N, C-alpha and C. Protein backbone atom coordinates (compact mmCIF):
# COMPACT_ATOMS: atom_id res chain seq x y z
N MET A 1 -25.91 -14.44 -17.05
CA MET A 1 -24.30 -15.13 -17.62
C MET A 1 -24.04 -16.01 -16.29
N GLY A 2 -23.22 -16.85 -16.76
CA GLY A 2 -23.08 -18.06 -16.01
C GLY A 2 -21.91 -17.84 -14.70
N GLU A 3 -21.77 -19.02 -14.14
CA GLU A 3 -20.68 -18.94 -13.35
C GLU A 3 -19.27 -18.55 -13.81
N ALA A 4 -18.87 -19.26 -14.94
CA ALA A 4 -17.51 -18.60 -15.29
C ALA A 4 -17.24 -17.15 -15.57
N SER A 5 -18.16 -16.68 -15.96
CA SER A 5 -18.24 -14.92 -16.17
C SER A 5 -18.20 -14.11 -14.85
N SER A 6 -18.00 -14.91 -13.67
CA SER A 6 -17.72 -14.36 -12.54
C SER A 6 -16.20 -14.19 -12.34
N ASP A 7 -15.53 -15.31 -13.23
CA ASP A 7 -13.94 -15.36 -13.50
C ASP A 7 -13.39 -14.28 -13.98
N ILE A 8 -13.92 -13.48 -14.65
CA ILE A 8 -13.42 -12.50 -15.87
C ILE A 8 -13.83 -11.20 -15.27
N MET A 9 -12.64 -10.37 -15.15
CA MET A 9 -12.89 -9.02 -14.57
C MET A 9 -12.38 -8.04 -15.63
N THR A 10 -13.22 -6.77 -15.56
CA THR A 10 -12.76 -5.73 -16.32
C THR A 10 -11.48 -4.88 -15.48
N VAL A 11 -11.15 -3.95 -16.31
CA VAL A 11 -10.15 -3.31 -15.62
C VAL A 11 -10.53 -2.44 -14.13
N ASP A 12 -11.83 -1.74 -14.55
CA ASP A 12 -12.39 -1.33 -13.19
C ASP A 12 -12.57 -2.24 -12.00
N GLU A 13 -13.17 -3.43 -12.70
CA GLU A 13 -13.51 -4.30 -11.69
C GLU A 13 -12.06 -4.72 -10.74
N ALA A 14 -11.05 -4.75 -11.83
CA ALA A 14 -9.86 -5.36 -11.13
C ALA A 14 -9.26 -4.15 -10.51
N ALA A 15 -9.13 -2.96 -10.62
CA ALA A 15 -8.46 -2.04 -10.11
C ALA A 15 -9.66 -1.62 -8.76
N GLU A 16 -10.86 -2.05 -8.33
CA GLU A 16 -11.77 -2.12 -7.72
C GLU A 16 -11.22 -3.28 -6.50
N TYR A 17 -10.96 -4.39 -7.32
CA TYR A 17 -10.76 -5.43 -6.43
C TYR A 17 -9.32 -5.25 -5.56
N LEU A 18 -8.60 -4.71 -6.40
CA LEU A 18 -6.94 -4.56 -6.03
C LEU A 18 -7.15 -3.67 -4.98
N ARG A 19 -8.10 -2.55 -4.98
CA ARG A 19 -8.09 -1.16 -4.65
C ARG A 19 -6.72 -0.55 -4.81
N VAL A 20 -6.57 -0.15 -6.72
CA VAL A 20 -5.94 0.43 -6.82
C VAL A 20 -6.48 1.28 -8.02
N ASN A 21 -5.79 2.39 -8.19
CA ASN A 21 -6.78 3.31 -9.32
C ASN A 21 -6.37 2.37 -10.98
N ARG A 22 -7.37 2.69 -11.59
CA ARG A 22 -7.40 1.98 -13.01
C ARG A 22 -6.01 2.08 -14.03
N LYS A 23 -5.34 3.17 -13.68
CA LYS A 23 -4.03 3.42 -14.37
C LYS A 23 -3.15 2.46 -13.85
N THR A 24 -3.44 2.10 -12.70
CA THR A 24 -2.25 1.25 -12.12
C THR A 24 -2.41 -0.13 -12.77
N ILE A 25 -3.70 -0.52 -12.99
CA ILE A 25 -3.91 -1.89 -13.59
C ILE A 25 -3.13 -1.70 -15.16
N TYR A 26 -3.48 -0.70 -15.68
CA TYR A 26 -3.08 -0.42 -17.20
C TYR A 26 -1.80 -0.90 -17.12
N ASP A 27 -0.91 0.27 -16.37
CA ASP A 27 0.62 -0.11 -16.32
C ASP A 27 1.19 -1.09 -15.91
N ALA A 28 0.45 -2.35 -15.33
CA ALA A 28 0.89 -3.53 -14.26
C ALA A 28 0.52 -4.32 -15.88
N ILE A 29 0.08 -3.95 -16.60
CA ILE A 29 -0.29 -4.89 -17.54
C ILE A 29 0.69 -5.05 -18.96
N LYS A 30 0.46 -3.49 -19.07
CA LYS A 30 1.83 -3.18 -19.97
C LYS A 30 2.93 -3.55 -19.67
N ASN A 31 3.45 -3.40 -18.35
CA ASN A 31 5.03 -3.84 -17.98
C ASN A 31 4.88 -5.18 -17.52
N GLY A 32 3.83 -6.35 -17.82
CA GLY A 32 4.02 -7.58 -17.86
C GLY A 32 3.89 -8.00 -16.32
N GLU A 33 3.43 -6.99 -15.31
CA GLU A 33 3.24 -7.81 -13.90
C GLU A 33 2.16 -8.17 -13.59
N LEU A 34 1.01 -8.07 -14.16
CA LEU A 34 -0.09 -8.54 -14.01
C LEU A 34 -0.61 -10.06 -14.78
N PRO A 35 -0.55 -11.04 -14.17
CA PRO A 35 -0.81 -12.21 -14.82
C PRO A 35 -2.37 -12.19 -14.99
N GLY A 36 -2.60 -12.91 -16.13
CA GLY A 36 -4.19 -13.17 -16.33
C GLY A 36 -5.10 -12.28 -17.41
N ALA A 37 -4.09 -11.30 -17.82
CA ALA A 37 -4.76 -10.03 -18.73
C ALA A 37 -4.92 -10.81 -20.07
N LYS A 38 -5.78 -10.53 -20.79
CA LYS A 38 -5.62 -10.53 -22.68
C LYS A 38 -6.67 -9.67 -22.82
N SER A 39 -6.12 -9.26 -24.13
CA SER A 39 -7.00 -8.38 -24.95
C SER A 39 -8.17 -8.94 -25.71
N VAL A 40 -8.97 -8.49 -25.81
CA VAL A 40 -10.09 -9.34 -26.44
C VAL A 40 -10.81 -8.27 -27.16
N ARG A 41 -10.12 -8.49 -28.59
CA ARG A 41 -11.08 -7.46 -29.24
C ARG A 41 -10.75 -5.90 -28.90
N GLY A 42 -9.62 -5.52 -28.49
CA GLY A 42 -9.24 -4.44 -28.00
C GLY A 42 -9.82 -4.13 -26.75
N THR A 43 -10.60 -4.75 -25.91
CA THR A 43 -11.05 -4.83 -24.65
C THR A 43 -10.20 -5.44 -23.73
N ILE A 44 -9.74 -5.02 -22.60
CA ILE A 44 -8.98 -6.09 -21.88
C ILE A 44 -9.75 -6.67 -20.57
N ARG A 45 -9.76 -8.36 -20.53
CA ARG A 45 -10.25 -8.80 -19.58
C ARG A 45 -9.28 -9.66 -18.70
N ILE A 46 -9.55 -9.62 -17.50
CA ILE A 46 -8.55 -10.11 -16.72
C ILE A 46 -9.17 -11.44 -15.50
N HIS A 47 -8.45 -12.72 -15.84
CA HIS A 47 -8.93 -13.96 -15.13
C HIS A 47 -8.64 -13.83 -13.88
N LYS A 48 -10.07 -13.63 -12.83
CA LYS A 48 -9.97 -13.16 -11.41
C LYS A 48 -8.84 -14.47 -10.45
N PRO A 49 -9.47 -15.74 -11.01
CA PRO A 49 -8.66 -16.89 -10.02
C PRO A 49 -7.10 -16.66 -10.34
N THR A 50 -6.75 -16.33 -11.70
CA THR A 50 -5.11 -16.27 -11.63
C THR A 50 -4.83 -14.84 -10.91
N VAL A 51 -5.28 -14.04 -10.67
CA VAL A 51 -4.99 -12.46 -9.84
C VAL A 51 -5.02 -13.13 -8.93
N ILE A 52 -5.99 -13.63 -8.00
CA ILE A 52 -6.09 -14.17 -6.87
C ILE A 52 -4.70 -15.30 -6.15
N ALA A 53 -4.47 -16.12 -7.11
CA ALA A 53 -3.25 -17.35 -6.64
C ALA A 53 -1.88 -16.32 -6.99
N TRP A 54 -2.15 -15.59 -7.90
CA TRP A 54 -0.46 -14.47 -8.12
C TRP A 54 -0.68 -13.78 -6.74
N LEU A 55 -1.48 -13.29 -6.21
CA LEU A 55 -1.43 -12.33 -4.95
C LEU A 55 -1.09 -13.28 -3.61
N ALA A 56 -1.47 -14.63 -3.70
CA ALA A 56 -1.35 -15.33 -2.47
C ALA A 56 0.18 -16.28 -2.58
N SER A 57 0.62 -16.39 -3.96
CA SER A 57 2.17 -16.48 -4.00
C SER A 57 3.06 -15.84 -3.41
N GLU A 58 4.23 -16.50 -2.91
CA GLU A 58 5.41 -15.83 -2.33
C GLU A 58 6.27 -15.39 -3.90
N ASP A 59 6.00 -15.65 -4.96
CA ASP A 59 6.65 -14.99 -5.81
C ASP A 59 6.25 -13.72 -6.66
N VAL A 60 5.60 -12.96 -5.41
CA VAL A 60 4.79 -11.63 -6.29
C VAL A 60 5.95 -10.37 -6.25
N PRO A 61 6.66 -10.25 -7.77
CA PRO A 61 7.50 -9.49 -7.61
C PRO A 61 6.87 -8.18 -7.19
N LEU A 62 8.10 -7.34 -6.37
CA LEU A 62 7.59 -6.07 -5.90
C LEU A 62 8.79 -4.90 -6.51
N LYS A 63 8.55 -3.90 -7.22
CA LYS A 63 9.68 -2.93 -7.67
C LYS A 63 10.01 -1.99 -6.34
N GLN A 64 11.03 -1.70 -6.35
CA GLN A 64 11.46 -0.91 -4.77
C GLN A 64 11.49 0.17 -5.79
N ARG A 65 11.01 1.39 -5.63
CA ARG A 65 11.02 2.45 -5.89
C ARG A 65 11.05 3.44 -4.75
N LYS A 66 11.93 4.60 -5.22
CA LYS A 66 12.48 5.70 -4.05
C LYS A 66 11.32 6.37 -4.33
N ARG A 67 10.74 6.81 -3.20
CA ARG A 67 9.85 7.95 -2.57
C ARG A 67 10.43 9.31 -2.52
N THR A 68 9.77 10.13 -3.20
CA THR A 68 10.48 11.44 -2.98
C THR A 68 9.68 12.46 -2.54
N ARG A 69 9.93 13.28 -1.36
CA ARG A 69 9.14 13.86 -0.59
C ARG A 69 8.90 15.77 -0.92
C-alpha cells in the first residue's frame, strides 16, 4: 500500500489512536462530532489528517455531561 493509505484509518485504528472505545468512535460519527469519516460501501473510513487538524484546533466542541456517581 502507498503512502496515501496511511492517511486512512478504520474505526478500530481511530479508537486506538484517540485512546477511546470503538463505540465512542461510532457514536461520534453518528452524532456528526468526528470529522473526516465516510462510509465506503458500508465500511467506515476516517481521514487521519482531518482528525489530527480537528484535535489541534481550538474549535473542538466538548459536550458538558453531568456525571453520576
